[in-house]
Amino acid sequence: MNGEVKMKNAVFRIKGIGHSLKNAVTSIIHRKLGIEPDFMIGNLSDEQIENVDKLLFSLSDKDFPSFLMNRQKDVYSGEGKHLIMNDLAFALRNDLEFKKKSRTWQGFRASKGKKVRGQRTRNTGRHGLTMGVMRDKLKPAVAGEEEGGKGARARKTAGSAPAAAPAEKK
C-alpha cells in the first residue's frame, strides 16, 4: 500500500473489512497498540506492522458483535469468524463449490453462469454479442438493390431460366 495513507483508510482497503468494521478495528488498534487512526502507515516500524497483522488475522477472537463478522455461525465449525484477504476468497470459493455439488438452486444457477440472488435478467447480465439489426451496414446494400445495382442484375441472370418441374408420380 501507499505509505501516505492514514491507518483508518488503509484498514478499509483490506478485503473483508467494510465501512462499519473499519471504525471498530481502528479503535482496537488504537487501544491495544497505541497507533492513532490518523497515523500514516508509511511511518510504522516493522514490529508495529507485525502486531497490526496479527491483530487483523485474529479479529474473530475480539469482542465484536456477531453482526459485524462475515462468517456468522460458520457451516463447518459452527462459530463466528471474520476472514480477510486470501482466507475470505478461499472460503467463498469452497462455499460455491459445495452449493454446486449439493445441487442447490444457487449452485445450479452459478454453474450455468446465471444470476443467483433473484435479480432481474431480462435486460442486465447479458454476455456475448448484441442482438438486433445493424442498420448502418444494411442501408447501402438495400439502396443498391432498389436502383437496379449489381445485386439485382446478378440475381436476374442467375435465376433467369425456370427450373424444370418435377415429374408427377402416378
Foldseek 3Di string as FASTA:
>chain_A
DDQQDFQLVVVCPWAQAHDVNSVVLQVVCCVPVVGHRRDGNNPDDPVSVVVSVVCVQQVLVDPDPLVNAPQPLNPPPGHTDHDTDPVVVVVVVVVLVVCLVVVDQQNVCVVVVHDRDPDDDPPPDDDDDDDDDPVVVVVVVVVQVVVVHPVNVVVCVVCVDDDDDDDDDD
